[in-house]
């Protein structure tokens, strides 16, 4: 089991198209397996600094890897493992990776969590953390390592019920937005 979280910057007109800029993966105990910046494939038109904490100086980071190297590393780290995350479809899309849906545990889509929050909308990670862990998190710029660790803690809260439902062919999650279906096999 691993957790994944990505931070994206904007590219294209108005910075509307997301492009991965930072990737973090932790193991089940929150130990860092990957924490790197990704050298942009296209010109960055919006760093989204308020949400991401990323500025142009991060481009010179010694831990900045090429997109292809990061994609290969991520594929190697997640292969055959269960991925835990929040809005995993966004991470897979910016990494341009497809993965078996059966091996994903997305706390944003888990129906019992949504029922407990009494919302048809995709719940934010901070709302999930407050409801199930009674902790405040995800304040300020997005820290993908914090996201990995918090999603693991939230997932762990219900992991047995989640796995039993999957084992019984009773998929316990809502589907991701339809434009992201091709990232799940």
N, C-alpha and C. Protein backbone atom coordinates (compact mmCIF):
# COMPACT_ATOMS: atom_id res chain seq x y z
N UNK A 1 0.86 -1.18 0.00
CA UNK A 1 0.00 0.00 0.00
C UNK A 1 0.89 1.23 0.00
N UNK A 2 0.55 2.16 -0.90
CA UNK A 2 1.26 3.43 -0.97
C UNK A 2 0.23 4.55 -1.09
N UNK A 3 0.64 5.75 -0.71
CA UNK A 3 -0.20 6.93 -0.90
C UNK A 3 0.48 7.84 -1.90
N UNK A 4 -0.33 8.53 -2.69
CA UNK A 4 0.21 9.43 -3.71
C UNK A 4 -0.49 10.77 -3.64
N UNK A 5 0.27 11.82 -3.92
CA UNK A 5 -0.30 13.16 -4.04
C UNK A 5 0.59 13.97 -4.98
N UNK A 6 -0.05 14.73 -5.85
CA UNK A 6 0.67 15.58 -6.79
C UNK A 6 0.23 17.03 -6.61
N UNK A 7 1.13 17.92 -6.96
CA UNK A 7 0.83 19.35 -7.00
C UNK A 7 1.01 19.78 -8.45
N UNK A 8 0.02 20.50 -8.96
CA UNK A 8 0.07 20.93 -10.35
C UNK A 8 0.15 22.44 -10.46
N UNK A 9 0.83 22.88 -11.50
CA UNK A 9 0.84 24.29 -11.88
C UNK A 9 0.03 24.40 -13.16
N UNK A 10 -0.17 25.62 -13.64
CA UNK A 10 -0.96 25.82 -14.84
C UNK A 10 -0.12 26.10 -16.06
N UNK A 11 -0.58 25.58 -17.18
CA UNK A 11 0.07 25.84 -18.46
C UNK A 11 -1.01 26.25 -19.46
N UNK A 12 -0.58 26.77 -20.57
CA UNK A 12 -1.53 27.18 -21.60
C UNK A 12 -2.15 28.52 -21.28
N UNK A 13 -3.09 28.89 -22.10
CA UNK A 13 -3.76 30.19 -21.97
C UNK A 13 -4.44 30.32 -20.61
N UNK A 14 -4.04 31.30 -19.85
CA UNK A 14 -4.62 31.56 -18.55
C UNK A 14 -4.21 30.55 -17.48
N UNK A 15 -3.31 29.65 -17.80
CA UNK A 15 -2.84 28.66 -16.82
C UNK A 15 -3.90 27.66 -16.43
N UNK A 16 -4.85 27.40 -17.33
CA UNK A 16 -5.98 26.53 -16.98
C UNK A 16 -5.68 25.04 -17.08
N UNK A 17 -4.70 24.66 -17.88
CA UNK A 17 -4.39 23.23 -18.04
C UNK A 17 -3.38 22.81 -16.97
N UNK A 18 -3.75 21.82 -16.14
CA UNK A 18 -2.82 21.40 -15.08
C UNK A 18 -1.63 20.61 -15.62
N UNK A 19 -0.50 20.84 -14.99
CA UNK A 19 0.73 20.13 -15.33
C UNK A 19 1.43 19.79 -14.02
N UNK A 20 1.82 18.55 -13.85
CA UNK A 20 2.44 18.11 -12.60
C UNK A 20 3.75 18.86 -12.38
N UNK A 21 3.95 19.27 -11.13
CA UNK A 21 5.17 19.98 -10.77
C UNK A 21 5.85 19.36 -9.55
N UNK A 22 5.07 18.66 -8.74
CA UNK A 22 5.65 17.99 -7.57
C UNK A 22 4.87 16.70 -7.31
N UNK A 23 5.59 15.66 -6.96
CA UNK A 23 4.98 14.36 -6.69
C UNK A 23 5.54 13.82 -5.38
N UNK A 24 4.64 13.27 -4.57
CA UNK A 24 5.06 12.59 -3.34
C UNK A 24 4.37 11.24 -3.27
N UNK A 25 5.12 10.25 -2.82
CA UNK A 25 4.59 8.92 -2.56
C UNK A 25 5.17 8.46 -1.24
N UNK A 26 4.29 7.95 -0.38
CA UNK A 26 4.76 7.40 0.90
C UNK A 26 4.29 5.95 1.01
N UNK A 27 4.92 5.22 1.90
CA UNK A 27 4.46 3.86 2.17
C UNK A 27 3.36 3.91 3.22
N UNK A 28 2.90 2.76 3.63
CA UNK A 28 1.80 2.65 4.58
C UNK A 28 2.07 3.38 5.90
N UNK A 29 3.33 3.47 6.30
CA UNK A 29 3.69 4.12 7.56
C UNK A 29 4.06 5.58 7.39
N UNK A 30 3.87 6.13 6.19
CA UNK A 30 4.15 7.53 5.94
C UNK A 30 5.60 7.83 5.62
N UNK A 31 6.41 6.78 5.45
CA UNK A 31 7.81 6.99 5.08
C UNK A 31 7.88 7.40 3.61
N UNK A 32 8.74 8.36 3.32
CA UNK A 32 8.83 8.93 1.98
C UNK A 32 9.52 7.95 1.02
N UNK A 33 8.81 7.62 -0.06
CA UNK A 33 9.38 6.82 -1.13
C UNK A 33 9.80 7.71 -2.30
N UNK A 34 9.08 8.81 -2.47
CA UNK A 34 9.39 9.78 -3.53
C UNK A 34 8.87 11.14 -3.10
N UNK A 35 9.69 12.15 -3.28
CA UNK A 35 9.30 13.53 -3.02
C UNK A 35 10.15 14.38 -3.93
N UNK A 36 9.60 14.76 -5.07
CA UNK A 36 10.40 15.44 -6.07
C UNK A 36 9.60 16.51 -6.81
N UNK A 37 10.33 17.47 -7.33
CA UNK A 37 9.76 18.42 -8.27
C UNK A 37 9.94 17.84 -9.67
N UNK A 38 9.04 18.22 -10.56
CA UNK A 38 9.07 17.73 -11.94
C UNK A 38 9.37 18.91 -12.85
N UNK A 39 10.42 18.77 -13.64
CA UNK A 39 10.75 19.86 -14.57
C UNK A 39 9.62 19.99 -15.59
N UNK A 40 9.09 21.20 -15.77
CA UNK A 40 7.92 21.38 -16.64
C UNK A 40 8.20 21.00 -18.09
N UNK A 41 7.21 20.35 -18.70
CA UNK A 41 7.30 19.97 -20.10
C UNK A 41 6.94 21.14 -21.02
N UNK A 42 6.17 22.08 -20.49
CA UNK A 42 5.70 23.24 -21.24
C UNK A 42 5.94 24.47 -20.38
N UNK A 43 5.88 25.66 -20.98
CA UNK A 43 6.03 26.86 -20.16
C UNK A 43 4.93 26.97 -19.10
N UNK A 44 5.32 27.30 -17.88
CA UNK A 44 4.36 27.50 -16.80
C UNK A 44 3.77 28.90 -16.96
N UNK A 45 2.45 28.97 -17.05
CA UNK A 45 1.79 30.27 -17.19
C UNK A 45 1.11 30.70 -15.90
N UNK A 46 0.99 29.79 -14.94
CA UNK A 46 0.40 30.14 -13.65
C UNK A 46 0.94 29.16 -12.61
N UNK A 47 1.73 29.68 -11.68
CA UNK A 47 2.32 28.82 -10.65
C UNK A 47 1.32 28.44 -9.55
N UNK A 48 0.20 29.15 -9.50
CA UNK A 48 -0.83 28.88 -8.46
C UNK A 48 -0.19 28.91 -7.07
N UNK A 49 0.70 29.85 -6.88
CA UNK A 49 1.53 29.92 -5.68
C UNK A 49 0.72 29.89 -4.39
N UNK A 50 -0.42 30.56 -4.36
CA UNK A 50 -1.23 30.59 -3.15
C UNK A 50 -1.67 29.19 -2.72
N UNK A 51 -2.01 28.35 -3.70
CA UNK A 51 -2.46 26.99 -3.40
C UNK A 51 -1.29 26.00 -3.35
N UNK A 52 -0.26 26.23 -4.17
CA UNK A 52 0.80 25.25 -4.32
C UNK A 52 2.07 25.56 -3.52
N UNK A 53 2.28 26.84 -3.23
CA UNK A 53 3.54 27.23 -2.59
C UNK A 53 4.70 27.24 -3.57
N UNK A 54 4.44 26.97 -4.82
CA UNK A 54 5.49 26.87 -5.83
C UNK A 54 5.74 28.23 -6.48
N UNK A 55 7.01 28.55 -6.64
CA UNK A 55 7.44 29.77 -7.31
C UNK A 55 8.49 29.40 -8.37
N UNK A 56 8.85 30.32 -9.24
CA UNK A 56 9.84 29.99 -10.28
C UNK A 56 11.17 29.47 -9.73
N UNK A 57 11.55 29.84 -8.51
CA UNK A 57 12.85 29.37 -7.98
C UNK A 57 12.88 27.85 -7.78
N UNK A 58 11.71 27.21 -7.69
CA UNK A 58 11.68 25.75 -7.54
C UNK A 58 12.18 25.04 -8.79
N UNK A 59 12.18 25.74 -9.93
CA UNK A 59 12.70 25.14 -11.17
C UNK A 59 14.19 24.82 -11.06
N UNK A 60 14.90 25.54 -10.21
CA UNK A 60 16.34 25.31 -10.08
C UNK A 60 16.65 24.30 -8.98
N UNK A 61 15.63 23.71 -8.40
CA UNK A 61 15.82 22.75 -7.33
C UNK A 61 16.66 21.56 -7.82
N UNK A 62 17.58 21.13 -6.97
CA UNK A 62 18.41 19.98 -7.33
C UNK A 62 17.60 18.70 -7.36
N UNK A 63 16.40 18.72 -6.76
CA UNK A 63 15.56 17.53 -6.78
C UNK A 63 14.54 17.56 -7.92
N UNK A 64 14.74 18.42 -8.90
CA UNK A 64 13.84 18.53 -10.05
C UNK A 64 14.21 17.45 -11.07
N UNK A 65 13.26 16.56 -11.36
CA UNK A 65 13.49 15.46 -12.30
C UNK A 65 12.67 15.69 -13.57
N UNK A 66 13.06 15.01 -14.64
CA UNK A 66 12.29 15.10 -15.88
C UNK A 66 10.95 14.39 -15.70
N UNK A 67 9.97 14.78 -16.51
CA UNK A 67 8.66 14.15 -16.43
C UNK A 67 8.77 12.65 -16.66
N UNK A 68 9.51 12.26 -17.69
CA UNK A 68 9.63 10.84 -18.02
C UNK A 68 10.26 10.05 -16.88
N UNK A 69 11.29 10.62 -16.24
CA UNK A 69 11.94 9.94 -15.12
C UNK A 69 10.97 9.78 -13.94
N UNK A 70 10.18 10.83 -13.68
CA UNK A 70 9.20 10.76 -12.59
C UNK A 70 8.11 9.76 -12.92
N UNK A 71 7.61 9.81 -14.13
CA UNK A 71 6.57 8.87 -14.54
C UNK A 71 7.06 7.43 -14.38
N UNK A 72 8.27 7.15 -14.84
CA UNK A 72 8.84 5.80 -14.71
C UNK A 72 9.00 5.40 -13.24
N UNK A 73 9.47 6.34 -12.43
CA UNK A 73 9.66 6.07 -11.00
C UNK A 73 8.32 5.78 -10.32
N UNK A 74 7.31 6.58 -10.63
CA UNK A 74 5.98 6.38 -10.04
C UNK A 74 5.43 5.02 -10.45
N UNK A 75 5.52 4.68 -11.72
CA UNK A 75 5.02 3.39 -12.19
C UNK A 75 5.72 2.26 -11.44
N UNK A 76 7.03 2.37 -11.25
CA UNK A 76 7.76 1.35 -10.51
C UNK A 76 7.35 1.24 -9.06
N UNK A 77 7.04 2.38 -8.43
CA UNK A 77 6.67 2.38 -7.02
C UNK A 77 5.25 1.88 -6.76
N UNK A 78 4.33 2.13 -7.70
CA UNK A 78 2.93 1.76 -7.47
C UNK A 78 2.56 0.41 -8.06
N UNK A 79 3.38 -0.13 -8.94
CA UNK A 79 3.05 -1.36 -9.65
C UNK A 79 2.64 -2.48 -8.68
N UNK A 80 1.42 -2.97 -8.87
CA UNK A 80 0.91 -4.07 -8.07
C UNK A 80 0.49 -3.71 -6.66
N UNK A 81 0.50 -2.44 -6.32
CA UNK A 81 0.15 -2.01 -4.97
C UNK A 81 -1.21 -1.31 -4.97
N UNK A 82 -1.82 -1.26 -3.80
CA UNK A 82 -3.02 -0.44 -3.61
C UNK A 82 -2.56 1.00 -3.42
N UNK A 83 -3.21 1.90 -4.16
CA UNK A 83 -2.91 3.34 -4.05
C UNK A 83 -4.00 4.00 -3.22
N UNK A 84 -3.59 4.72 -2.21
CA UNK A 84 -4.51 5.51 -1.39
C UNK A 84 -4.26 6.98 -1.72
N UNK A 85 -5.34 7.75 -1.82
CA UNK A 85 -5.18 9.17 -2.10
C UNK A 85 -6.50 9.90 -2.03
N UNK A 86 -6.42 11.19 -2.33
CA UNK A 86 -7.59 12.06 -2.39
C UNK A 86 -7.66 12.61 -3.81
N UNK A 87 -8.73 12.30 -4.51
CA UNK A 87 -8.89 12.69 -5.93
C UNK A 87 -7.76 12.09 -6.77
N UNK A 88 -7.59 10.80 -6.65
CA UNK A 88 -6.51 10.08 -7.35
C UNK A 88 -6.58 10.30 -8.86
N UNK A 89 -7.77 10.47 -9.39
CA UNK A 89 -7.90 10.66 -10.84
C UNK A 89 -7.11 11.87 -11.32
N UNK A 90 -7.02 12.90 -10.49
CA UNK A 90 -6.23 14.07 -10.89
C UNK A 90 -4.74 13.75 -10.92
N UNK A 91 -4.28 12.97 -9.94
CA UNK A 91 -2.87 12.58 -9.92
C UNK A 91 -2.52 11.72 -11.13
N UNK A 92 -3.37 10.72 -11.41
CA UNK A 92 -3.11 9.85 -12.56
C UNK A 92 -3.14 10.65 -13.86
N UNK A 93 -4.04 11.62 -13.96
CA UNK A 93 -4.16 12.37 -15.21
C UNK A 93 -2.92 13.24 -15.46
N UNK A 94 -2.41 13.93 -14.44
CA UNK A 94 -1.24 14.79 -14.68
C UNK A 94 0.03 13.96 -14.86
N UNK A 95 0.02 12.73 -14.37
CA UNK A 95 1.16 11.83 -14.58
C UNK A 95 0.99 11.00 -15.85
N UNK A 96 -0.20 11.07 -16.46
CA UNK A 96 -0.54 10.32 -17.67
C UNK A 96 -0.29 8.82 -17.46
N UNK A 97 -0.87 8.31 -16.36
CA UNK A 97 -0.74 6.91 -15.99
C UNK A 97 -2.13 6.31 -15.83
N UNK A 98 -2.33 5.12 -16.37
CA UNK A 98 -3.55 4.36 -16.13
C UNK A 98 -3.26 3.32 -15.06
N UNK A 99 -4.29 3.00 -14.26
CA UNK A 99 -4.09 2.06 -13.17
C UNK A 99 -5.38 1.31 -12.91
N UNK A 100 -5.30 0.04 -12.48
CA UNK A 100 -6.53 -0.70 -12.21
C UNK A 100 -7.35 -0.06 -11.07
N UNK A 101 -8.60 0.23 -11.35
CA UNK A 101 -9.47 0.86 -10.34
C UNK A 101 -9.56 0.02 -9.08
N UNK A 102 -9.50 -1.29 -9.23
CA UNK A 102 -9.60 -2.20 -8.09
C UNK A 102 -8.51 -1.94 -7.05
N UNK A 103 -7.39 -1.40 -7.51
CA UNK A 103 -6.25 -1.15 -6.62
C UNK A 103 -6.12 0.32 -6.22
N UNK A 104 -7.24 1.04 -6.26
CA UNK A 104 -7.23 2.43 -5.80
C UNK A 104 -8.22 2.60 -4.66
N UNK A 105 -7.83 3.35 -3.66
CA UNK A 105 -8.71 3.70 -2.54
C UNK A 105 -8.71 5.22 -2.44
N UNK A 106 -9.72 5.82 -3.02
CA UNK A 106 -9.81 7.28 -3.06
C UNK A 106 -10.77 7.75 -1.97
N UNK A 107 -10.22 8.38 -0.95
CA UNK A 107 -11.05 8.81 0.18
C UNK A 107 -12.08 9.86 -0.23
N UNK A 108 -11.85 10.54 -1.35
CA UNK A 108 -12.83 11.53 -1.83
C UNK A 108 -14.06 10.87 -2.43
N UNK A 109 -13.93 9.61 -2.86
CA UNK A 109 -15.03 8.92 -3.52
C UNK A 109 -15.69 7.86 -2.66
N UNK A 110 -15.14 7.56 -1.51
CA UNK A 110 -15.65 6.50 -0.64
C UNK A 110 -17.03 6.90 -0.10
N UNK A 111 -18.04 6.14 -0.50
CA UNK A 111 -19.43 6.52 -0.19
C UNK A 111 -19.72 6.64 1.31
N UNK A 112 -19.26 5.75 2.17
CA UNK A 112 -19.53 5.92 3.60
C UNK A 112 -18.98 7.24 4.16
N UNK A 113 -17.86 7.71 3.65
CA UNK A 113 -17.34 9.01 4.10
C UNK A 113 -18.26 10.13 3.63
N UNK A 114 -18.70 10.05 2.39
CA UNK A 114 -19.59 11.08 1.86
C UNK A 114 -20.93 11.06 2.61
N UNK A 115 -21.42 9.87 2.94
CA UNK A 115 -22.67 9.76 3.70
C UNK A 115 -22.52 10.41 5.07
N UNK A 116 -21.40 10.16 5.72
CA UNK A 116 -21.17 10.72 7.06
C UNK A 116 -21.12 12.24 7.01
N UNK A 117 -20.61 12.79 5.92
CA UNK A 117 -20.56 14.24 5.76
C UNK A 117 -21.86 14.79 5.20
N UNK A 118 -22.78 13.90 4.81
CA UNK A 118 -24.07 14.28 4.27
C UNK A 118 -23.92 15.24 3.08
N UNK A 119 -23.05 14.82 2.13
CA UNK A 119 -22.83 15.67 0.96
C UNK A 119 -22.76 14.83 -0.31
N UNK A 120 -23.41 15.31 -1.38
CA UNK A 120 -23.27 14.65 -2.67
C UNK A 120 -22.00 15.11 -3.39
N UNK A 121 -21.38 16.15 -2.86
CA UNK A 121 -20.19 16.72 -3.48
C UNK A 121 -18.93 15.98 -3.05
N UNK A 122 -17.86 16.20 -3.78
CA UNK A 122 -16.58 15.60 -3.43
C UNK A 122 -16.05 16.34 -2.21
N UNK A 123 -15.87 15.64 -1.10
CA UNK A 123 -15.42 16.32 0.12
C UNK A 123 -13.94 16.67 0.06
N UNK A 124 -13.61 17.81 0.63
CA UNK A 124 -12.21 18.21 0.72
C UNK A 124 -11.48 17.36 1.76
N UNK A 125 -10.17 17.27 1.61
CA UNK A 125 -9.39 16.47 2.53
C UNK A 125 -9.44 17.05 3.94
N UNK A 126 -9.47 18.36 4.07
CA UNK A 126 -9.52 18.96 5.41
C UNK A 126 -10.83 18.61 6.12
N UNK A 127 -11.95 18.57 5.39
CA UNK A 127 -13.24 18.19 6.00
C UNK A 127 -13.22 16.73 6.43
N UNK A 128 -12.64 15.87 5.62
CA UNK A 128 -12.52 14.45 5.98
C UNK A 128 -11.64 14.27 7.21
N UNK A 129 -10.52 14.99 7.24
CA UNK A 129 -9.60 14.87 8.38
C UNK A 129 -10.26 15.36 9.66
N UNK A 130 -11.00 16.44 9.57
CA UNK A 130 -11.65 16.96 10.77
C UNK A 130 -12.73 15.99 11.25
N UNK A 131 -13.51 15.45 10.33
CA UNK A 131 -14.62 14.56 10.69
C UNK A 131 -14.14 13.23 11.26
N UNK A 132 -13.14 12.63 10.64
CA UNK A 132 -12.75 11.28 11.03
C UNK A 132 -11.51 11.20 11.91
N UNK A 133 -10.69 12.24 11.89
CA UNK A 133 -9.46 12.21 12.70
C UNK A 133 -9.45 13.29 13.78
N UNK A 134 -10.44 14.17 13.73
CA UNK A 134 -10.51 15.31 14.64
C UNK A 134 -9.19 16.09 14.65
N UNK A 135 -8.65 16.28 13.46
CA UNK A 135 -7.42 17.09 13.35
C UNK A 135 -7.58 18.09 12.23
N UNK A 136 -6.89 19.19 12.39
CA UNK A 136 -6.88 20.23 11.37
C UNK A 136 -5.66 20.01 10.50
N UNK A 137 -5.87 20.02 9.20
CA UNK A 137 -4.75 19.82 8.29
C UNK A 137 -5.00 20.60 7.01
N UNK A 138 -4.03 20.54 6.15
CA UNK A 138 -4.17 21.10 4.81
C UNK A 138 -4.47 22.59 4.84
N UNK A 139 -3.84 23.29 5.76
CA UNK A 139 -3.98 24.74 5.79
C UNK A 139 -2.78 25.34 5.06
N UNK A 140 -3.01 26.40 4.33
CA UNK A 140 -1.93 27.00 3.57
C UNK A 140 -1.70 26.27 2.26
N UNK A 141 -0.48 26.39 1.74
CA UNK A 141 -0.14 25.77 0.46
C UNK A 141 -0.17 24.25 0.59
N UNK A 142 -0.52 23.60 -0.50
CA UNK A 142 -0.62 22.13 -0.50
C UNK A 142 0.76 21.51 -0.31
N UNK A 143 0.83 20.64 0.68
CA UNK A 143 2.04 19.87 0.92
C UNK A 143 1.71 18.42 0.59
N UNK A 144 2.23 17.89 -0.52
CA UNK A 144 1.84 16.55 -0.92
C UNK A 144 2.22 15.46 0.07
N UNK A 145 3.27 15.65 0.84
CA UNK A 145 3.61 14.66 1.87
C UNK A 145 2.54 14.62 2.96
N UNK A 146 2.06 15.80 3.36
CA UNK A 146 0.98 15.85 4.34
C UNK A 146 -0.28 15.18 3.78
N UNK A 147 -0.59 15.46 2.51
CA UNK A 147 -1.76 14.84 1.88
C UNK A 147 -1.64 13.32 1.90
N UNK A 148 -0.47 12.80 1.57
CA UNK A 148 -0.26 11.34 1.59
C UNK A 148 -0.53 10.77 2.97
N UNK A 149 0.06 11.39 3.98
CA UNK A 149 -0.06 10.86 5.34
C UNK A 149 -1.48 10.98 5.87
N UNK A 150 -2.15 12.08 5.59
CA UNK A 150 -3.52 12.26 6.07
C UNK A 150 -4.47 11.31 5.35
N UNK A 151 -4.31 11.13 4.04
CA UNK A 151 -5.20 10.20 3.35
C UNK A 151 -5.00 8.77 3.86
N UNK A 152 -3.78 8.41 4.19
CA UNK A 152 -3.55 7.08 4.77
C UNK A 152 -4.25 6.93 6.12
N UNK A 153 -4.17 7.97 6.93
CA UNK A 153 -4.82 7.92 8.24
C UNK A 153 -6.34 7.81 8.09
N UNK A 154 -6.91 8.55 7.14
CA UNK A 154 -8.35 8.49 6.92
C UNK A 154 -8.74 7.12 6.37
N UNK A 155 -8.00 6.63 5.39
CA UNK A 155 -8.26 5.31 4.82
C UNK A 155 -8.20 4.23 5.90
N UNK A 156 -7.20 4.32 6.76
CA UNK A 156 -7.01 3.31 7.80
C UNK A 156 -8.23 3.24 8.73
N UNK A 157 -8.91 4.35 8.89
CA UNK A 157 -10.11 4.42 9.72
C UNK A 157 -11.16 3.41 9.27
N UNK A 158 -11.23 3.12 7.97
CA UNK A 158 -12.27 2.24 7.42
C UNK A 158 -11.71 1.12 6.54
N UNK A 159 -10.43 0.83 6.60
CA UNK A 159 -9.83 -0.07 5.62
C UNK A 159 -10.47 -1.46 5.60
N UNK A 160 -10.84 -2.01 6.74
CA UNK A 160 -11.41 -3.36 6.74
C UNK A 160 -12.76 -3.40 6.04
N UNK A 161 -13.63 -2.45 6.35
CA UNK A 161 -14.95 -2.39 5.70
C UNK A 161 -14.79 -2.15 4.20
N UNK A 162 -13.83 -1.30 3.84
CA UNK A 162 -13.56 -0.99 2.44
C UNK A 162 -13.15 -2.26 1.70
N UNK A 163 -12.18 -2.97 2.24
CA UNK A 163 -11.67 -4.18 1.59
C UNK A 163 -12.72 -5.28 1.54
N UNK A 164 -13.54 -5.40 2.56
CA UNK A 164 -14.61 -6.40 2.56
C UNK A 164 -15.62 -6.11 1.46
N UNK A 165 -15.97 -4.85 1.30
CA UNK A 165 -16.91 -4.47 0.24
C UNK A 165 -16.34 -4.80 -1.14
N UNK A 166 -15.08 -4.49 -1.36
CA UNK A 166 -14.45 -4.79 -2.65
C UNK A 166 -14.39 -6.30 -2.86
N UNK A 167 -14.01 -7.02 -1.83
CA UNK A 167 -13.93 -8.49 -1.92
C UNK A 167 -15.27 -9.10 -2.27
N UNK A 168 -16.36 -8.52 -1.75
CA UNK A 168 -17.71 -9.02 -2.01
C UNK A 168 -18.32 -8.45 -3.30
N UNK A 169 -17.48 -7.81 -4.13
CA UNK A 169 -17.92 -7.21 -5.39
C UNK A 169 -19.01 -6.15 -5.18
N UNK A 170 -18.90 -5.42 -4.08
CA UNK A 170 -19.82 -4.34 -3.76
C UNK A 170 -18.98 -3.05 -3.70
N UNK A 171 -18.65 -2.52 -4.86
CA UNK A 171 -17.75 -1.37 -4.95
C UNK A 171 -18.24 -0.24 -4.06
N UNK A 172 -17.44 0.21 -3.08
CA UNK A 172 -17.91 1.16 -2.08
C UNK A 172 -17.72 2.63 -2.44
N UNK A 173 -17.35 2.91 -3.66
CA UNK A 173 -17.01 4.29 -4.03
C UNK A 173 -17.88 4.79 -5.17
N UNK A 174 -18.02 6.10 -5.21
CA UNK A 174 -18.59 6.75 -6.37
C UNK A 174 -17.54 6.67 -7.48
N UNK A 175 -17.96 6.92 -8.70
CA UNK A 175 -17.02 6.95 -9.81
C UNK A 175 -16.39 8.33 -9.92
N UNK A 176 -15.17 8.39 -10.43
CA UNK A 176 -14.56 9.70 -10.66
C UNK A 176 -15.29 10.39 -11.81
N UNK A 177 -15.03 11.67 -12.02
CA UNK A 177 -15.66 12.35 -13.17
C UNK A 177 -15.37 11.59 -14.47
N UNK A 178 -16.35 11.53 -15.35
CA UNK A 178 -16.27 10.68 -16.54
C UNK A 178 -15.10 11.01 -17.46
N UNK A 179 -14.65 12.25 -17.49
CA UNK A 179 -13.53 12.59 -18.38
C UNK A 179 -12.21 11.95 -17.92
N UNK A 180 -12.22 11.31 -16.75
CA UNK A 180 -11.01 10.67 -16.23
C UNK A 180 -11.10 9.15 -16.26
N UNK A 181 -12.17 8.58 -16.79
CA UNK A 181 -12.34 7.13 -16.78
C UNK A 181 -11.18 6.38 -17.44
N UNK A 182 -10.61 6.97 -18.48
CA UNK A 182 -9.55 6.24 -19.20
C UNK A 182 -8.26 6.09 -18.40
N UNK A 183 -8.17 6.72 -17.23
CA UNK A 183 -7.00 6.52 -16.37
C UNK A 183 -7.16 5.32 -15.45
N UNK A 184 -8.32 4.66 -15.54
CA UNK A 184 -8.58 3.47 -14.73
C UNK A 184 -8.84 2.29 -15.65
N UNK A 185 -8.15 1.19 -15.37
CA UNK A 185 -8.32 0.01 -16.23
C UNK A 185 -9.12 -1.04 -15.48
